[in-house]
């Protein structure tokens, strides 16, 4: 009789232990995967750090919505723009959703989601300047650009390499270029038109004198080549948010 009781107790203990282990395994299986989004912390309205020190912007809120809809967690990590693609390929971040332009050069080293926004380049000068979009990019004038941007590449490839008399000064952020522009250290500055609009709202003494583009300047999320699972996840999420009322709500919020 004692042996039967002992056997019963052992069976109950085994069953209890098995249920506990099973519950732990199920709980682990249900944990959401976390992806890290690298952002330019100085690229409003798409990505920036707000007054409370938190990542904010159109791309940040869009990715937050997609993460919730698609069942994953996301962290937004401020990253220097000129090193953001090497940081991605070094697996320190998982994707880039931060006003990243699609280019053939970048497509050789990263993969892109479907595009979600079309932009142009914009030239900004001091409010008292008589420069226009042509003279501001020629006649020996100095134009400020953010390092690693498509605007900087365009000036190098389309103007300087073709003999146009324009000097280029490179900055870590466009905000630094604007400071030098206002202080008279450079004559003009180039950036995507979306950020220029934000700068003009926040700073006086500036004006936009022209925009241009080929019609192919589009933003998309960037990720490592071969990361098919994440690519499919982000593409599906983008399609969902772009067809939802949330998309128009965010566009209105950030004046896009």
Protein backbone atom coordinates (compact mmCIF):
# COMPACT_ATOMS: atom_id res chain seq x y z
CA UNK A 1 0.00 0.00 0.00
CA UNK A 2 2.86 2.37 0.81
CA UNK A 3 4.44 1.53 -2.53
CA UNK A 4 1.21 2.46 -4.35
CA UNK A 5 1.00 5.82 -2.60
CA UNK A 6 4.64 6.55 -3.40
CA UNK A 7 4.10 5.63 -7.03
CA UNK A 8 1.03 7.86 -7.23
CA UNK A 9 2.93 10.78 -5.69
CA UNK A 10 5.78 10.31 -8.16
CA UNK A 11 3.37 10.25 -11.09
CA UNK A 12 1.70 13.44 -9.87
CA UNK A 13 5.08 15.14 -9.47
CA UNK A 14 6.12 14.11 -12.97
CA UNK A 15 2.85 15.37 -14.44
CA UNK A 16 3.15 18.66 -12.57
CA UNK A 17 6.76 19.12 -13.69
CA UNK A 18 5.82 18.30 -17.28
CA UNK A 19 3.01 20.85 -17.24
CA UNK A 20 5.31 23.50 -15.83
CA UNK A 21 7.97 22.86 -18.47
CA UNK A 22 5.30 22.85 -21.18
CA UNK A 23 3.97 26.17 -19.95
CA UNK A 24 7.45 27.70 -20.03
CA UNK A 25 8.04 26.44 -23.57
CA UNK A 26 4.67 27.76 -24.75
CA UNK A 27 5.35 31.09 -23.08
CA UNK A 28 8.71 31.35 -24.80
CA UNK A 29 7.13 30.47 -28.14
CA UNK A 30 4.61 33.25 -27.68
CA UNK A 31 7.24 35.91 -26.95
CA UNK A 32 7.31 38.55 -29.68
CA UNK A 33 10.48 38.97 -31.69
CA UNK A 34 12.18 42.34 -31.34
CA UNK A 35 13.71 44.18 -34.31
CA UNK A 36 15.90 47.28 -34.13
CA UNK A 37 15.13 50.15 -36.50
CA UNK A 38 18.06 52.48 -37.16
CA UNK A 39 16.99 56.11 -37.52
CA UNK A 40 18.60 59.44 -38.35
CA UNK A 41 17.86 61.42 -35.16
CA UNK A 42 17.91 64.71 -37.08
CA UNK A 43 15.59 64.18 -40.04
CA UNK A 44 12.17 65.65 -39.27
CA UNK A 45 9.39 64.99 -40.04
CA UNK A 46 10.34 61.37 -40.72
CA UNK A 47 12.59 60.70 -37.73
CA UNK A 48 13.88 62.83 -34.87
CA UNK A 49 14.26 62.96 -31.10
CA UNK A 50 11.40 64.83 -29.41
CA UNK A 51 11.57 67.19 -26.44
CA UNK A 52 11.25 64.25 -24.05
CA UNK A 53 14.26 62.57 -25.60
CA UNK A 54 12.23 59.87 -27.37
CA UNK A 55 12.31 58.82 -31.04
CA UNK A 56 9.42 60.37 -32.98
CA UNK A 57 8.30 61.16 -36.51
CA UNK A 58 6.33 59.80 -39.43
CA UNK A 59 8.52 56.74 -39.96
CA UNK A 60 8.76 56.00 -36.25
CA UNK A 61 4.99 56.06 -35.77
CA UNK A 62 4.40 54.09 -38.96
CA UNK A 63 6.77 51.33 -37.84
CA UNK A 64 5.18 51.28 -34.37
CA UNK A 65 1.79 50.69 -36.00
CA UNK A 66 3.19 48.01 -38.31
CA UNK A 67 4.90 46.23 -35.40
CA UNK A 68 1.67 46.09 -33.44
CA UNK A 69 -0.30 44.92 -36.49
CA UNK A 70 2.25 42.29 -37.54
CA UNK A 71 3.01 40.98 -34.04
CA UNK A 72 6.58 42.04 -33.33
CA UNK A 73 8.34 44.49 -31.04
CA UNK A 74 10.49 47.35 -32.34
CA UNK A 75 13.18 49.58 -30.87
CA UNK A 76 14.26 52.77 -32.64
CA UNK A 77 18.01 53.33 -32.40
CA UNK A 78 19.51 56.71 -33.35
CA UNK A 79 22.42 56.06 -35.71
CA UNK A 80 24.88 58.31 -37.56
CA UNK A 81 23.52 58.58 -41.10
CA UNK A 82 26.84 58.19 -42.91
CA UNK A 83 27.44 54.85 -41.16
CA UNK A 84 23.86 53.57 -41.03
CA UNK A 85 24.18 51.05 -43.89
CA UNK A 86 27.46 49.57 -42.58
CA UNK A 87 25.77 49.40 -39.16
CA UNK A 88 22.88 47.49 -40.75
CA UNK A 89 25.15 45.01 -42.51
CA UNK A 90 27.16 44.56 -39.31
CA UNK A 91 23.88 43.34 -37.74
CA UNK A 92 23.82 46.06 -35.09
CA UNK A 93 20.40 47.12 -36.37
CA UNK A 94 17.83 45.10 -38.31
CA UNK A 95 16.38 47.62 -40.73
CA UNK A 96 16.29 51.32 -41.61
CA UNK A 97 13.00 53.23 -41.66
CA UNK A 98 14.11 56.84 -41.64
CA UNK A 99 13.61 58.63 -44.94
CA UNK A 100 15.99 56.28 -46.76
CA UNK A 101 16.12 57.01 -50.48
CA UNK A 102 16.18 54.16 -52.98
CA UNK A 103 19.32 54.25 -55.15
CA UNK A 104 20.96 51.76 -57.50
CA UNK A 105 24.21 52.08 -55.56
CA UNK A 106 22.59 51.22 -52.23
CA UNK A 107 20.61 48.39 -53.84
CA UNK A 108 23.91 46.63 -54.47
CA UNK A 109 24.51 46.20 -50.74
CA UNK A 110 21.05 46.26 -49.11
CA UNK A 111 17.50 45.16 -49.89
CA UNK A 112 14.51 47.50 -50.03
CA UNK A 113 10.85 47.19 -49.17
CA UNK A 114 8.20 48.59 -51.45
CA UNK A 115 8.49 52.40 -51.71
CA UNK A 116 6.10 54.48 -49.62
CA UNK A 117 6.91 58.14 -50.34
CA UNK A 118 8.27 60.27 -53.20
CA UNK A 119 10.44 63.29 -52.50
CA UNK A 120 12.47 65.98 -54.27
CA UNK A 121 15.64 67.88 -53.45
CA UNK A 122 15.38 71.46 -52.25
CA UNK A 123 17.78 74.41 -52.20
CA UNK A 124 17.59 76.79 -49.26
CA UNK A 125 19.40 80.14 -48.92
CA UNK A 126 19.37 83.09 -46.53
CA UNK A 127 16.26 85.24 -46.73
CA UNK A 128 18.25 88.26 -47.96
CA UNK A 129 20.12 86.29 -50.65
CA UNK A 130 19.58 86.96 -54.37
CA UNK A 131 20.67 83.43 -55.31
CA UNK A 132 18.28 81.12 -57.12
CA UNK A 133 18.26 77.37 -57.71
CA UNK A 134 20.75 77.74 -60.59
CA UNK A 135 23.20 80.31 -59.22
CA UNK A 136 23.09 78.77 -55.73
CA UNK A 137 24.56 75.61 -57.25
CA UNK A 138 27.15 77.29 -59.50
CA UNK A 139 29.30 80.44 -59.92
CA UNK A 140 31.78 79.28 -57.27
CA UNK A 141 29.22 79.23 -54.47
CA UNK A 142 29.55 76.82 -51.56
CA UNK A 143 26.63 74.50 -50.83
CA UNK A 144 26.21 72.62 -47.57
CA UNK A 145 24.99 69.02 -47.53
CA UNK A 146 24.52 66.24 -45.02
CA UNK A 147 27.08 63.47 -45.29
CA UNK A 148 25.84 60.29 -46.95
CA UNK A 149 22.68 61.78 -48.47
CA UNK A 150 21.45 61.40 -52.04
CA UNK A 151 21.52 65.19 -52.37
CA UNK A 152 25.25 65.21 -51.63
CA UNK A 153 25.80 62.40 -54.15
CA UNK A 154 23.77 64.24 -56.80
CA UNK A 155 25.88 67.40 -56.50
CA UNK A 156 29.10 65.38 -56.77
CA UNK A 157 27.96 63.21 -59.68
CA UNK A 158 25.78 65.58 -61.68
CA UNK A 159 27.48 68.93 -61.09
CA UNK A 160 31.08 68.79 -59.86
CA UNK A 161 32.10 65.83 -62.03
CA UNK A 162 30.62 67.62 -65.04
CA UNK A 163 32.65 70.76 -64.45
CA UNK A 164 30.06 72.99 -62.74
CA UNK A 165 31.81 75.59 -60.57
CA UNK A 166 30.31 74.79 -57.18
CA UNK A 167 32.00 73.92 -53.91
CA UNK A 168 30.57 71.42 -51.47
CA UNK A 169 30.87 71.37 -47.68
CA UNK A 170 29.79 68.22 -45.86
CA UNK A 171 28.18 68.11 -42.40
CA UNK A 172 27.20 65.30 -40.04
CA UNK A 173 23.67 66.73 -39.86
CA UNK A 174 21.67 69.15 -41.99
CA UNK A 175 21.02 71.27 -38.90
CA UNK A 176 24.76 72.04 -38.72
CA UNK A 177 24.69 73.08 -42.38
CA UNK A 178 21.81 75.45 -41.63
CA UNK A 179 23.76 77.04 -38.77
CA UNK A 180 26.67 77.74 -41.10
CA UNK A 181 24.29 79.06 -43.77
CA UNK A 182 22.73 81.52 -41.34
CA UNK A 183 26.18 82.59 -40.17
CA UNK A 184 27.35 83.22 -43.74
CA UNK A 185 29.94 80.43 -43.88
CA UNK A 186 28.21 78.80 -46.87
CA UNK A 187 25.96 80.21 -49.58
CA UNK A 188 23.22 77.59 -49.85
CA UNK A 189 22.20 74.16 -48.57
CA UNK A 190 20.59 71.11 -50.15
CA UNK A 191 18.36 68.54 -48.50
CA UNK A 192 15.19 66.56 -49.23
CA UNK A 193 12.25 68.94 -49.54
CA UNK A 194 10.43 67.33 -46.63
CA UNK A 195 13.11 68.31 -44.13
CA UNK A 196 13.55 71.77 -45.63
CA UNK A 197 9.86 72.46 -44.99
CA UNK A 198 10.41 71.57 -41.32
CA UNK A 199 13.49 73.77 -41.10
CA UNK A 200 11.60 76.73 -42.56
CA UNK A 201 8.88 76.29 -39.93
CA UNK A 202 11.40 76.26 -37.10
CA UNK A 203 13.99 78.84 -38.23
CA UNK A 204 13.64 82.39 -39.52
CA UNK A 205 16.03 84.09 -41.93
CA UNK A 206 15.78 81.36 -44.58
CA UNK A 207 13.92 80.73 -47.82
CA UNK A 208 13.54 77.91 -50.31
CA UNK A 209 14.41 78.94 -53.88
CA UNK A 210 13.65 75.76 -55.79
CA UNK A 211 13.09 72.01 -55.85
CA UNK A 212 14.04 69.43 -58.45
CA UNK A 213 14.09 65.72 -59.06
CA UNK A 214 13.80 63.02 -61.68
CA UNK A 215 10.58 61.52 -60.36
CA UNK A 216 12.51 58.48 -59.15
CA UNK A 217 13.41 59.80 -55.69
CA UNK A 218 11.51 57.47 -53.37
CA UNK A 219 11.78 56.38 -49.75
CA UNK A 220 11.64 52.74 -48.69
CA UNK A 221 12.78 50.72 -45.69
CA UNK A 222 16.23 49.17 -46.02
CA UNK A 223 17.33 45.79 -44.65
CA UNK A 224 20.03 43.21 -45.14
CA UNK A 225 20.04 41.24 -48.36
CA UNK A 226 18.73 37.74 -47.84
CA UNK A 227 16.56 38.67 -44.84
CA UNK A 228 13.44 37.44 -46.64
CA UNK A 229 11.34 36.85 -43.52
CA UNK A 230 11.70 40.43 -42.33
CA UNK A 231 11.29 41.79 -45.86
CA UNK A 232 7.96 40.01 -46.26
CA UNK A 233 6.87 41.15 -42.79
CA UNK A 234 7.64 44.80 -43.49
CA UNK A 235 6.15 44.73 -46.98
CA UNK A 236 2.90 43.28 -45.68
CA UNK A 237 2.85 45.80 -42.86
CA UNK A 238 3.47 48.70 -45.24
CA UNK A 239 0.66 47.57 -47.51
CA UNK A 240 -1.69 47.38 -44.54
CA UNK A 241 -0.89 50.79 -43.10
CA UNK A 242 -0.90 52.50 -46.50
CA UNK A 243 -4.44 51.25 -47.11
CA UNK A 244 -5.64 52.18 -43.62
CA UNK A 245 -6.97 55.48 -42.19
CA UNK A 246 -3.84 55.62 -40.02
CA UNK A 247 -1.71 56.45 -43.06
CA UNK A 248 -3.69 59.58 -43.93
CA UNK A 249 -3.80 60.51 -40.26
CA UNK A 250 0.00 60.40 -40.02
CA UNK A 251 0.46 62.27 -43.30
CA UNK A 252 -1.80 65.03 -42.02
CA UNK A 253 -0.04 65.11 -38.63
CA UNK A 254 3.39 65.54 -40.24
CA UNK A 255 2.22 67.74 -43.16
CA UNK A 256 3.21 65.29 -45.87
